[in-house]
Amino acid sequence: MFRVLKPGGFLIYSDLILPGWIAALLCHFGNDRYRFPTRTGLDRIIEDKASRVICQTTRGWFYEVILQRN
């Protein structure tokens, strides 16, 4: 998504997330941890892309963020 977003463009992203302990438990039983998004994992992706966070909310299992590409 970031690759095709023009400089100054906005990205609105919303996803369901799992608490870290549930993702770790599922990973322990042989599942790939990256298949289960966590807030920490999504925050790390956003930091790696060096985008400006306009608004970010987490309510229960819902993760929403509005980003602007630098």
N, C-alpha and C. Protein backbone atom coordinates (compact mmCIF):
# COMPACT_ATOMS: atom_id res chain seq x y z
N MET A 1 0.82 -1.19 0.00
CA MET A 1 0.00 0.00 0.00
C MET A 1 0.86 1.26 0.00
N PHE A 2 1.95 1.23 0.78
CA PHE A 2 2.81 2.41 0.84
C PHE A 2 3.55 2.63 -0.47
N ARG A 3 3.84 1.55 -1.17
CA ARG A 3 4.61 1.66 -2.41
C ARG A 3 3.84 2.46 -3.46
N VAL A 4 2.53 2.34 -3.51
CA VAL A 4 1.75 3.01 -4.55
C VAL A 4 1.14 4.33 -4.06
N LEU A 5 1.33 4.66 -2.80
CA LEU A 5 0.79 5.90 -2.25
C LEU A 5 1.71 7.06 -2.62
N LYS A 6 1.16 8.10 -3.23
CA LYS A 6 2.00 9.23 -3.64
C LYS A 6 2.44 10.03 -2.42
N PRO A 7 3.58 10.73 -2.51
CA PRO A 7 4.03 11.56 -1.40
C PRO A 7 2.95 12.55 -0.98
N GLY A 8 2.71 12.64 0.32
CA GLY A 8 1.66 13.51 0.83
C GLY A 8 0.29 12.85 0.85
N GLY A 9 0.17 11.65 0.26
CA GLY A 9 -1.10 10.94 0.21
C GLY A 9 -1.47 10.33 1.55
N PHE A 10 -2.73 10.02 1.72
CA PHE A 10 -3.24 9.47 2.96
C PHE A 10 -3.62 8.00 2.80
N LEU A 11 -3.45 7.25 3.87
CA LEU A 11 -3.86 5.85 3.93
C LEU A 11 -4.70 5.68 5.19
N ILE A 12 -5.89 5.14 5.01
CA ILE A 12 -6.75 4.81 6.15
C ILE A 12 -6.73 3.29 6.26
N TYR A 13 -6.30 2.80 7.42
CA TYR A 13 -6.15 1.37 7.63
C TYR A 13 -6.94 0.94 8.85
N SER A 14 -7.70 -0.13 8.72
CA SER A 14 -8.48 -0.67 9.82
C SER A 14 -8.36 -2.18 9.79
N ASP A 15 -8.20 -2.79 10.95
CA ASP A 15 -8.01 -4.24 11.00
C ASP A 15 -8.43 -4.76 12.36
N LEU A 16 -8.69 -6.04 12.42
CA LEU A 16 -8.89 -6.72 13.70
C LEU A 16 -7.53 -7.16 14.20
N ILE A 17 -7.30 -7.04 15.50
CA ILE A 17 -6.02 -7.45 16.08
C ILE A 17 -6.28 -8.44 17.21
N LEU A 18 -5.24 -9.18 17.53
CA LEU A 18 -5.30 -10.09 18.67
C LEU A 18 -4.40 -9.56 19.77
N PRO A 19 -4.78 -9.77 21.01
CA PRO A 19 -3.85 -9.45 22.09
C PRO A 19 -2.57 -10.28 21.92
N GLY A 20 -1.44 -9.72 22.31
CA GLY A 20 -0.16 -10.40 22.12
C GLY A 20 -0.10 -11.79 22.72
N TRP A 21 -0.72 -11.99 23.85
CA TRP A 21 -0.65 -13.31 24.50
C TRP A 21 -1.41 -14.36 23.70
N ILE A 22 -2.49 -13.97 23.02
CA ILE A 22 -3.22 -14.92 22.19
C ILE A 22 -2.40 -15.27 20.95
N ALA A 23 -1.79 -14.25 20.33
CA ALA A 23 -0.94 -14.51 19.16
C ALA A 23 0.23 -15.42 19.54
N ALA A 24 0.83 -15.19 20.73
CA ALA A 24 1.94 -16.03 21.18
C ALA A 24 1.46 -17.47 21.43
N LEU A 25 0.28 -17.61 21.99
CA LEU A 25 -0.27 -18.94 22.24
C LEU A 25 -0.51 -19.68 20.93
N LEU A 26 -1.07 -18.99 19.95
CA LEU A 26 -1.30 -19.62 18.64
C LEU A 26 0.01 -19.98 17.96
N CYS A 27 1.01 -19.12 18.12
CA CYS A 27 2.34 -19.40 17.55
C CYS A 27 2.93 -20.65 18.20
N HIS A 28 2.71 -20.79 19.50
CA HIS A 28 3.23 -21.95 20.24
C HIS A 28 2.66 -23.26 19.69
N PHE A 29 1.46 -23.21 19.18
CA PHE A 29 0.83 -24.41 18.63
C PHE A 29 1.11 -24.62 17.15
N GLY A 30 2.15 -23.95 16.64
CA GLY A 30 2.61 -24.22 15.29
C GLY A 30 2.13 -23.26 14.22
N ASN A 31 1.37 -22.23 14.59
CA ASN A 31 0.91 -21.27 13.59
C ASN A 31 1.94 -20.16 13.42
N ASP A 32 2.02 -19.62 12.22
CA ASP A 32 2.92 -18.50 11.94
C ASP A 32 2.38 -17.24 12.61
N ARG A 33 3.17 -16.62 13.47
CA ARG A 33 2.72 -15.46 14.24
C ARG A 33 2.28 -14.30 13.35
N TYR A 34 2.87 -14.15 12.18
CA TYR A 34 2.54 -13.02 11.31
C TYR A 34 1.15 -13.13 10.70
N ARG A 35 0.52 -14.26 10.82
CA ARG A 35 -0.85 -14.41 10.32
C ARG A 35 -1.86 -13.77 11.27
N PHE A 36 -1.42 -13.45 12.47
CA PHE A 36 -2.29 -12.90 13.49
C PHE A 36 -1.80 -11.51 13.86
N PRO A 37 -2.39 -10.46 13.31
CA PRO A 37 -1.88 -9.12 13.58
C PRO A 37 -2.08 -8.72 15.05
N THR A 38 -1.05 -8.08 15.61
CA THR A 38 -1.12 -7.51 16.95
C THR A 38 -0.84 -6.02 16.83
N ARG A 39 -1.20 -5.28 17.85
CA ARG A 39 -0.94 -3.83 17.82
C ARG A 39 0.56 -3.57 17.69
N THR A 40 1.36 -4.31 18.44
CA THR A 40 2.81 -4.14 18.38
C THR A 40 3.33 -4.39 16.98
N GLY A 41 2.86 -5.44 16.33
CA GLY A 41 3.31 -5.75 14.98
C GLY A 41 2.92 -4.68 13.97
N LEU A 42 1.68 -4.20 14.06
CA LEU A 42 1.24 -3.15 13.13
C LEU A 42 1.97 -1.84 13.40
N ASP A 43 2.21 -1.50 14.66
CA ASP A 43 2.97 -0.29 14.99
C ASP A 43 4.38 -0.36 14.42
N ARG A 44 4.99 -1.54 14.48
CA ARG A 44 6.34 -1.73 13.95
C ARG A 44 6.37 -1.52 12.44
N ILE A 45 5.37 -2.02 11.74
CA ILE A 45 5.29 -1.83 10.29
C ILE A 45 5.17 -0.34 9.96
N ILE A 46 4.34 0.37 10.70
CA ILE A 46 4.15 1.80 10.47
C ILE A 46 5.45 2.56 10.71
N GLU A 47 6.17 2.22 11.77
CA GLU A 47 7.45 2.88 12.06
C GLU A 47 8.46 2.63 10.95
N ASP A 48 8.49 1.40 10.43
CA ASP A 48 9.42 1.05 9.35
C ASP A 48 9.16 1.85 8.08
N LYS A 49 7.92 2.19 7.83
CA LYS A 49 7.57 2.91 6.61
C LYS A 49 7.74 4.42 6.77
N ALA A 50 8.06 4.89 7.98
CA ALA A 50 8.32 6.30 8.25
C ALA A 50 7.19 7.21 7.78
N SER A 51 5.98 6.81 8.01
CA SER A 51 4.83 7.63 7.67
C SER A 51 4.41 8.45 8.89
N ARG A 52 3.75 9.53 8.64
CA ARG A 52 3.24 10.38 9.71
C ARG A 52 1.88 9.86 10.16
N VAL A 53 1.75 9.59 11.44
CA VAL A 53 0.48 9.12 11.99
C VAL A 53 -0.40 10.34 12.26
N ILE A 54 -1.53 10.41 11.59
CA ILE A 54 -2.48 11.51 11.78
C ILE A 54 -3.40 11.19 12.95
N CYS A 55 -3.91 9.98 13.00
CA CYS A 55 -4.83 9.55 14.05
C CYS A 55 -4.69 8.05 14.21
N GLN A 56 -4.68 7.58 15.46
CA GLN A 56 -4.56 6.15 15.71
C GLN A 56 -5.42 5.80 16.92
N THR A 57 -6.24 4.77 16.77
CA THR A 57 -7.08 4.32 17.88
C THR A 57 -7.08 2.80 17.94
N THR A 58 -7.18 2.30 19.13
CA THR A 58 -7.34 0.87 19.36
C THR A 58 -8.47 0.72 20.36
N ARG A 59 -9.50 0.04 19.94
CA ARG A 59 -10.65 -0.23 20.81
C ARG A 59 -10.91 -1.72 20.81
N GLY A 60 -10.63 -2.35 21.95
CA GLY A 60 -10.81 -3.79 22.01
C GLY A 60 -9.94 -4.48 20.99
N TRP A 61 -10.56 -5.18 20.08
CA TRP A 61 -9.82 -5.92 19.06
C TRP A 61 -9.75 -5.16 17.73
N PHE A 62 -10.11 -3.89 17.73
CA PHE A 62 -10.11 -3.08 16.50
C PHE A 62 -8.94 -2.11 16.51
N TYR A 63 -8.26 -2.03 15.38
CA TYR A 63 -7.11 -1.15 15.20
C TYR A 63 -7.40 -0.27 14.00
N GLU A 64 -7.33 1.03 14.20
CA GLU A 64 -7.58 1.98 13.10
C GLU A 64 -6.48 3.05 13.13
N VAL A 65 -6.01 3.40 11.94
CA VAL A 65 -4.97 4.41 11.84
C VAL A 65 -5.13 5.17 10.52
N ILE A 66 -4.86 6.46 10.56
CA ILE A 66 -4.80 7.30 9.36
C ILE A 66 -3.36 7.76 9.25
N LEU A 67 -2.74 7.48 8.11
CA LEU A 67 -1.33 7.80 7.87
C LEU A 67 -1.19 8.75 6.71
N GLN A 68 -0.12 9.52 6.74
CA GLN A 68 0.24 10.35 5.59
C GLN A 68 1.66 10.00 5.20
N ARG A 69 1.86 9.71 3.92
CA ARG A 69 3.19 9.36 3.44
C ARG A 69 4.07 10.60 3.40
N ASN A 70 5.29 10.43 3.87
CA ASN A 70 6.26 11.54 3.83
C ASN A 70 6.79 11.77 2.44
